[in-house]
Amino acid sequence: MSNEQIQKTNRRKFLLLLALMCAPVVVSYTLYFTDYRPESTHYGDLIPIVKVLGSGINQSDNTILRMKDLHGKWVLVTVDSGQCDEACKEKLYFMRQVRLTQGKEKHRIERLWLINDNVGPDNELIKQYEDTYFVSAKDSEILRYIETQETQTKHIYLIDPIGNLMMRFPEDVDGTKMGHDLKRLLHVSQIEH
């Protein structure tokens, strides 16, 4: 090979390396300025993280339940009246079913119903959804951490194992999609109690 051919080969190699090194920067700027947003893979809405504190009266045994007692577990939360209309019953049903579909990981999930009035839940409902925490929270500070009064009864919420409210599921919840979200979170979560 002549000197001229070696220089051309070296120049090509240099330009190729330069293009390879600049490509990620060019691609990232292009994606940023074209406002590209990849499609989300989660069903629930991520909400601003809020540490949930406070306590309420556990209806099943008249003990005080502090939110910190649930640390180390993923907590599905619903807020409703103790009268529990059809929408309330549907949320309780989905919370129970989604927990059951997690199989051997279900022990990492708790269910919490925050009752926002002075009406106690029906005994039949308590039996039907046993192992759910039925907590009277009307005057508790817990409710202050869960969005506004108008929206808090429309959703099922998720609290992470360190006590942060971090996700809410849509109003007309799809139990299958909710279960997939929870399964993914349990898989990637390394936090245990």
C-alpha atoms as a PDB file:
ATOM      1  CA  MET A   1       0.000   0.000   0.000  1.00  0.00           C
ATOM      2  CA  SER A   2       1.183   3.426  -0.854  1.00  0.00           C
ATOM      3  CA  ASN A   3       1.337   6.314   1.585  1.00  0.00           C
ATOM      4  CA  GLU A   4      -1.586   7.990  -0.139  1.00  0.00           C
ATOM      5  CA  GLN A   5      -3.826   4.900   0.227  1.00  0.00           C
ATOM      6  CA  ILE A   6      -2.904   4.549   3.913  1.00  0.00           C
ATOM      7  CA  GLN A   7      -3.818   8.206   4.516  1.00  0.00           C
ATOM      8  CA  LYS A   8      -7.197   7.756   2.759  1.00  0.00           C
ATOM      9  CA  THR A   9      -7.923   4.629   4.818  1.00  0.00           C
ATOM     10  CA  ASN A  10      -6.968   6.389   8.049  1.00  0.00           C
ATOM     11  CA  ARG A  11      -9.066   9.412   7.110  1.00  0.00           C
ATOM     12  CA  ARG A  12     -12.106   7.161   6.427  1.00  0.00           C
ATOM     13  CA  LYS A  13     -11.612   5.382   9.778  1.00  0.00           C
ATOM     14  CA  PHE A  14     -11.334   8.715  11.571  1.00  0.00           C
ATOM     15  CA  LEU A  15     -14.509  10.103   9.927  1.00  0.00           C
ATOM     16  CA  LEU A  16     -16.389   6.880  10.687  1.00  0.00           C
ATOM     17  CA  LEU A  17     -15.338   7.026  14.367  1.00  0.00           C
ATOM     18  CA  LEU A  18     -16.279  10.708  14.535  1.00  0.00           C
ATOM     19  CA  ALA A  19     -19.731   9.961  13.049  1.00  0.00           C
ATOM     20  CA  LEU A  20     -20.265   7.077  15.498  1.00  0.00           C
ATOM     21  CA  MET A  21     -19.320   9.268  18.468  1.00  0.00           C
ATOM     22  CA  CYS A  22     -21.570  12.149  17.365  1.00  0.00           C
ATOM     23  CA  ALA A  23     -24.570   9.994  16.405  1.00  0.00           C
ATOM     24  CA  PRO A  24     -26.040   9.656  19.943  1.00  0.00           C
ATOM     25  CA  VAL A  25     -25.840  13.418  20.469  1.00  0.00           C
ATOM     26  CA  VAL A  26     -27.460  14.147  17.105  1.00  0.00           C
ATOM     27  CA  VAL A  27     -30.202  11.571  17.691  1.00  0.00           C
ATOM     28  CA  SER A  28     -30.936  12.849  21.215  1.00  0.00           C
ATOM     29  CA  TYR A  29     -31.195  16.474  20.033  1.00  0.00           C
ATOM     30  CA  THR A  30     -33.435  15.415  17.149  1.00  0.00           C
ATOM     31  CA  LEU A  31     -35.763  13.487  19.471  1.00  0.00           C
ATOM     32  CA  TYR A  32     -35.831  16.359  21.949  1.00  0.00           C
ATOM     33  CA  PHE A  33     -36.629  19.089  19.429  1.00  0.00           C
ATOM     34  CA  THR A  34     -39.211  16.990  17.559  1.00  0.00           C
ATOM     35  CA  ASP A  35     -40.937  16.454  20.940  1.00  0.00           C
ATOM     36  CA  TYR A  36     -40.816  12.661  20.660  1.00  0.00           C
ATOM     37  CA  ARG A  37     -42.386  10.816  23.602  1.00  0.00           C
ATOM     38  CA  PRO A  38     -42.198   7.022  23.716  1.00  0.00           C
ATOM     39  CA  GLU A  39     -45.448   5.235  24.494  1.00  0.00           C
ATOM     40  CA  SER A  40     -45.894   4.435  28.170  1.00  0.00           C
ATOM     41  CA  THR A  41     -46.055   0.806  29.276  1.00  0.00           C
ATOM     42  CA  HIS A  42     -47.931   1.400  32.524  1.00  0.00           C
ATOM     43  CA  TYR A  43     -51.683   1.560  32.927  1.00  0.00           C
ATOM     44  CA  GLY A  44     -51.950   3.602  36.113  1.00  0.00           C
ATOM     45  CA  ASP A  45     -51.148   7.302  36.212  1.00  0.00           C
ATOM     46  CA  LEU A  46     -47.976   8.274  38.029  1.00  0.00           C
ATOM     47  CA  ILE A  47     -48.799  11.151  40.354  1.00  0.00           C
ATOM     48  CA  PRO A  48     -46.540  13.494  42.327  1.00  0.00           C
ATOM     49  CA  ILE A  49     -45.043  11.440  45.142  1.00  0.00           C
ATOM     50  CA  VAL A  50     -46.401  12.282  48.591  1.00  0.00           C
ATOM     51  CA  LYS A  51     -45.433  10.633  51.867  1.00  0.00           C
ATOM     52  CA  VAL A  52     -48.698   9.485  53.489  1.00  0.00           C
ATOM     53  CA  LEU A  53     -48.785   9.931  57.256  1.00  0.00           C
ATOM     54  CA  GLY A  54     -51.451   9.685  59.897  1.00  0.00           C
ATOM     55  CA  SER A  55     -53.660   7.116  61.534  1.00  0.00           C
ATOM     56  CA  GLY A  56     -57.253   5.952  61.719  1.00  0.00           C
ATOM     57  CA  ILE A  57     -59.446   3.518  63.623  1.00  0.00           C
ATOM     58  CA  ASN A  58     -59.449  -0.023  62.246  1.00  0.00           C
ATOM     59  CA  GLN A  59     -63.159  -0.945  62.094  1.00  0.00           C
ATOM     60  CA  SER A  60     -62.636  -4.691  62.417  1.00  0.00           C
ATOM     61  CA  ASP A  61     -61.009  -4.627  65.870  1.00  0.00           C
ATOM     62  CA  ASN A  62     -61.184  -0.971  67.056  1.00  0.00           C
ATOM     63  CA  THR A  63     -57.401  -0.567  67.080  1.00  0.00           C
ATOM     64  CA  ILE A  64     -55.422   2.359  65.771  1.00  0.00           C
ATOM     65  CA  LEU A  65     -53.846   1.773  62.374  1.00  0.00           C
ATOM     66  CA  ARG A  66     -50.892   4.016  61.607  1.00  0.00           C
ATOM     67  CA  MET A  67     -49.779   4.342  58.005  1.00  0.00           C
ATOM     68  CA  LYS A  68     -46.243   3.470  59.088  1.00  0.00           C
ATOM     69  CA  ASP A  69     -47.602   0.044  60.203  1.00  0.00           C
ATOM     70  CA  LEU A  70     -48.038  -0.759  56.502  1.00  0.00           C
ATOM     71  CA  HIS A  71     -44.475   0.106  55.508  1.00  0.00           C
ATOM     72  CA  GLY A  72     -42.740  -2.707  53.675  1.00  0.00           C
ATOM     73  CA  LYS A  73     -45.908  -3.543  51.705  1.00  0.00           C
ATOM     74  CA  TRP A  74     -47.481  -2.235  48.529  1.00  0.00           C
ATOM     75  CA  VAL A  75     -50.875  -0.845  49.550  1.00  0.00           C
ATOM     76  CA  LEU A  76     -53.928  -0.596  47.289  1.00  0.00           C
ATOM     77  CA  VAL A  77     -56.111   2.211  48.670  1.00  0.00           C
ATOM     78  CA  THR A  78     -59.701   3.232  48.062  1.00  0.00           C
ATOM     79  CA  VAL A  79     -61.572   6.112  49.701  1.00  0.00           C
ATOM     80  CA  ASP A  80     -65.355   5.856  50.057  1.00  0.00           C
ATOM     81  CA  SER A  81     -68.368   6.203  52.297  1.00  0.00           C
ATOM     82  CA  GLY A  82     -69.166   3.359  54.671  1.00  0.00           C
ATOM     83  CA  GLN A  83     -72.477   2.960  52.806  1.00  0.00           C
ATOM     84  CA  CYS A  84     -70.461   1.636  49.825  1.00  0.00           C
ATOM     85  CA  ASP A  85     -72.396   2.006  46.590  1.00  0.00           C
ATOM     86  CA  GLU A  86     -71.833  -0.152  43.490  1.00  0.00           C
ATOM     87  CA  ALA A  87     -68.722   1.789  42.393  1.00  0.00           C
ATOM     88  CA  CYS A  88     -67.225   1.285  45.864  1.00  0.00           C
ATOM     89  CA  LYS A  89     -67.956  -2.455  45.784  1.00  0.00           C
ATOM     90  CA  GLU A  90     -66.400  -2.699  42.339  1.00  0.00           C
ATOM     91  CA  LYS A  91     -63.187  -1.064  43.573  1.00  0.00           C
ATOM     92  CA  LEU A  92     -63.029  -3.427  46.564  1.00  0.00           C
ATOM     93  CA  TYR A  93     -63.592  -6.376  44.219  1.00  0.00           C
ATOM     94  CA  PHE A  94     -60.790  -5.334  41.847  1.00  0.00           C
ATOM     95  CA  MET A  95     -58.400  -4.702  44.738  1.00  0.00           C
ATOM     96  CA  ARG A  96     -59.054  -8.212  46.075  1.00  0.00           C
ATOM     97  CA  GLN A  97     -58.803  -9.903  42.680  1.00  0.00           C
ATOM     98  CA  VAL A  98     -55.637  -8.074  41.623  1.00  0.00           C
ATOM     99  CA  ARG A  99     -53.985  -9.090  44.889  1.00  0.00           C
ATOM    100  CA  LEU A 100     -55.009 -12.726  44.399  1.00  0.00           C
ATOM    101  CA  THR A 101     -53.638 -12.824  40.848  1.00  0.00           C
ATOM    102  CA  GLN A 102     -50.151 -12.034  42.138  1.00  0.00           C
ATOM    103  CA  GLY A 103     -49.801 -15.637  43.358  1.00  0.00           C
ATOM    104  CA  LYS A 104     -46.866 -16.188  45.674  1.00  0.00           C
ATOM    105  CA  GLU A 105     -46.175 -12.431  45.759  1.00  0.00           C
ATOM    106  CA  LYS A 106     -49.621 -11.535  47.174  1.00  0.00           C
ATOM    107  CA  HIS A 107     -48.198 -11.372  50.711  1.00  0.00           C
ATOM    108  CA  ARG A 108     -46.390  -8.178  49.624  1.00  0.00           C
ATOM    109  CA  ILE A 109     -49.693  -6.369  48.986  1.00  0.00           C
ATOM    110  CA  GLU A 110     -52.217  -4.956  51.470  1.00  0.00           C
ATOM    111  CA  ARG A 111     -55.660  -3.484  50.804  1.00  0.00           C
ATOM    112  CA  LEU A 112     -56.886  -0.399  52.608  1.00  0.00           C
ATOM    113  CA  TRP A 113     -60.364   1.138  52.552  1.00  0.00           C
ATOM    114  CA  LEU A 114     -60.363   4.635  54.037  1.00  0.00           C
ATOM    115  CA  ILE A 115     -63.922   5.357  55.156  1.00  0.00           C
ATOM    116  CA  ASN A 116     -64.500   9.096  54.775  1.00  0.00           C
ATOM    117  CA  ASP A 117     -67.678   9.405  56.875  1.00  0.00           C
ATOM    118  CA  ASN A 118     -69.137   8.141  60.159  1.00  0.00           C
ATOM    119  CA  VAL A 119     -71.022   5.252  58.536  1.00  0.00           C
ATOM    120  CA  GLY A 120     -69.696   1.804  59.417  1.00  0.00           C
ATOM    121  CA  PRO A 121     -69.465  -0.786  56.637  1.00  0.00           C
ATOM    122  CA  ASP A 122     -71.979  -3.611  56.432  1.00  0.00           C
ATOM    123  CA  ASN A 123     -70.906  -6.817  58.252  1.00  0.00           C
ATOM    124  CA  GLU A 124     -71.537  -8.864  55.111  1.00  0.00           C
ATOM    125  CA  LEU A 125     -69.180  -6.586  53.183  1.00  0.00           C
ATOM    126  CA  ILE A 126     -66.523  -6.980  55.876  1.00  0.00           C
ATOM    127  CA  LYS A 127     -66.793 -10.779  55.624  1.00  0.00           C
ATOM    128  CA  GLN A 128     -66.701 -10.685  51.833  1.00  0.00           C
ATOM    129  CA  TYR A 129     -63.515  -8.606  51.788  1.00  0.00           C
ATOM    130  CA  GLU A 130     -61.770  -9.957  54.868  1.00  0.00           C
ATOM    131  CA  ASP A 131     -58.086  -9.101  55.244  1.00  0.00           C
ATOM    132  CA  THR A 132     -58.859  -5.617  53.924  1.00  0.00           C
ATOM    133  CA  TYR A 133     -58.145  -2.856  56.423  1.00  0.00           C
ATOM    134  CA  PHE A 134     -61.434  -0.985  56.997  1.00  0.00           C
ATOM    135  CA  VAL A 135     -60.205   2.279  58.500  1.00  0.00           C
ATOM    136  CA  SER A 136     -62.371   5.142  59.699  1.00  0.00           C
ATOM    137  CA  ALA A 137     -60.497   8.170  58.418  1.00  0.00           C
ATOM    138  CA  LYS A 138     -63.117  10.948  58.455  1.00  0.00           C
ATOM    139  CA  ASP A 139     -61.147  13.251  60.746  1.00  0.00           C
ATOM    140  CA  SER A 140     -57.759  11.716  59.999  1.00  0.00           C
ATOM    141  CA  GLU A 141     -54.933  13.557  58.318  1.00  0.00           C
ATOM    142  CA  ILE A 142     -54.457  10.597  55.928  1.00  0.00           C
ATOM    143  CA  LEU A 143     -57.131  11.927  53.579  1.00  0.00           C
ATOM    144  CA  ARG A 144     -55.298  15.233  53.183  1.00  0.00           C
ATOM    145  CA  TYR A 145     -52.504  13.435  51.328  1.00  0.00           C
ATOM    146  CA  ILE A 146     -54.817  11.816  48.761  1.00  0.00           C
ATOM    147  CA  GLU A 147     -55.736  14.427  46.152  1.00  0.00           C
ATOM    148  CA  THR A 148     -58.914  16.478  46.511  1.00  0.00           C
ATOM    149  CA  GLN A 149     -62.193  15.327  48.044  1.00  0.00           C
ATOM    150  CA  GLU A 150     -63.879  15.433  44.639  1.00  0.00           C
ATOM    151  CA  THR A 151     -61.440  12.994  43.004  1.00  0.00           C
ATOM    152  CA  GLN A 152     -60.303  10.756  45.858  1.00  0.00           C
ATOM    153  CA  THR A 153     -63.399   8.540  45.721  1.00  0.00           C
ATOM    154  CA  LYS A 154     -63.092   7.952  41.959  1.00  0.00           C
ATOM    155  CA  HIS A 155     -59.810   6.043  41.901  1.00  0.00           C
ATOM    156  CA  ILE A 156     -57.834   3.182  43.384  1.00  0.00           C
ATOM    157  CA  TYR A 157     -54.469   4.444  44.613  1.00  0.00           C
ATOM    158  CA  LEU A 158     -51.155   2.701  45.173  1.00  0.00           C
ATOM    159  CA  ILE A 159     -48.746   3.405  48.025  1.00  0.00           C
ATOM    160  CA  ASP A 160     -45.210   2.039  47.726  1.00  0.00           C
ATOM    161  CA  PRO A 161     -43.409   0.069  50.495  1.00  0.00           C
ATOM    162  CA  ILE A 162     -41.821   3.190  51.976  1.00  0.00           C
ATOM    163  CA  GLY A 163     -45.159   4.961  52.386  1.00  0.00           C
ATOM    164  CA  ASN A 164     -45.281   7.158  49.286  1.00  0.00           C
ATOM    165  CA  LEU A 165     -48.512   7.659  47.375  1.00  0.00           C
ATOM    166  CA  MET A 166     -47.247   7.303  43.806  1.00  0.00           C
ATOM    167  CA  MET A 167     -49.915   5.998  41.421  1.00  0.00           C
ATOM    168  CA  ARG A 168     -53.625   6.074  40.762  1.00  0.00           C
ATOM    169  CA  PHE A 169     -55.630   3.876  38.468  1.00  0.00           C
ATOM    170  CA  PRO A 170     -58.306   5.217  36.081  1.00  0.00           C
ATOM    171  CA  GLU A 171     -61.885   5.683  37.225  1.00  0.00           C
ATOM    172  CA  ASP A 172     -63.342   2.726  35.300  1.00  0.00           C
ATOM    173  CA  VAL A 173     -60.496   0.414  36.197  1.00  0.00           C
ATOM    174  CA  ASP A 174     -59.453  -2.552  34.060  1.00  0.00           C
ATOM    175  CA  GLY A 175     -58.420  -5.233  36.574  1.00  0.00           C
ATOM    176  CA  THR A 176     -56.195  -7.086  34.101  1.00  0.00           C
ATOM    177  CA  LYS A 177     -54.136  -4.006  33.241  1.00  0.00           C
ATOM    178  CA  MET A 178     -53.983  -2.995  36.902  1.00  0.00           C
ATOM    179  CA  GLY A 179     -52.700  -6.484  37.745  1.00  0.00           C
ATOM    180  CA  HIS A 180     -49.985  -6.227  35.078  1.00  0.00           C
ATOM    181  CA  ASP A 181     -48.807  -2.907  36.541  1.00  0.00           C
ATOM    182  CA  LEU A 182     -48.630  -4.397  40.017  1.00  0.00           C
ATOM    183  CA  LYS A 183     -46.862  -7.530  38.792  1.00  0.00           C
ATOM    184  CA  ARG A 184     -44.221  -5.367  37.067  1.00  0.00           C
ATOM    185  CA  LEU A 185     -43.731  -3.253  40.202  1.00  0.00           C
ATOM    186  CA  LEU A 186     -43.383  -6.321  42.412  1.00  0.00           C
ATOM    187  CA  HIS A 187     -40.860  -7.796  39.986  1.00  0.00           C
ATOM    188  CA  VAL A 188     -38.583  -4.742  39.896  1.00  0.00           C
ATOM    189  CA  SER A 189     -39.018  -3.735  43.542  1.00  0.00           C
ATOM    190  CA  GLN A 190     -36.216  -4.779  45.861  1.00  0.00           C
ATOM    191  CA  ILE A 191     -37.826  -3.277  48.973  1.00  0.00           C
ATOM    192  CA  GLU A 192     -38.942  -5.811  51.548  1.00  0.00           C
ATOM    193  CA  HIS A 193     -39.991  -5.256  55.153  1.00  0.00           C
END
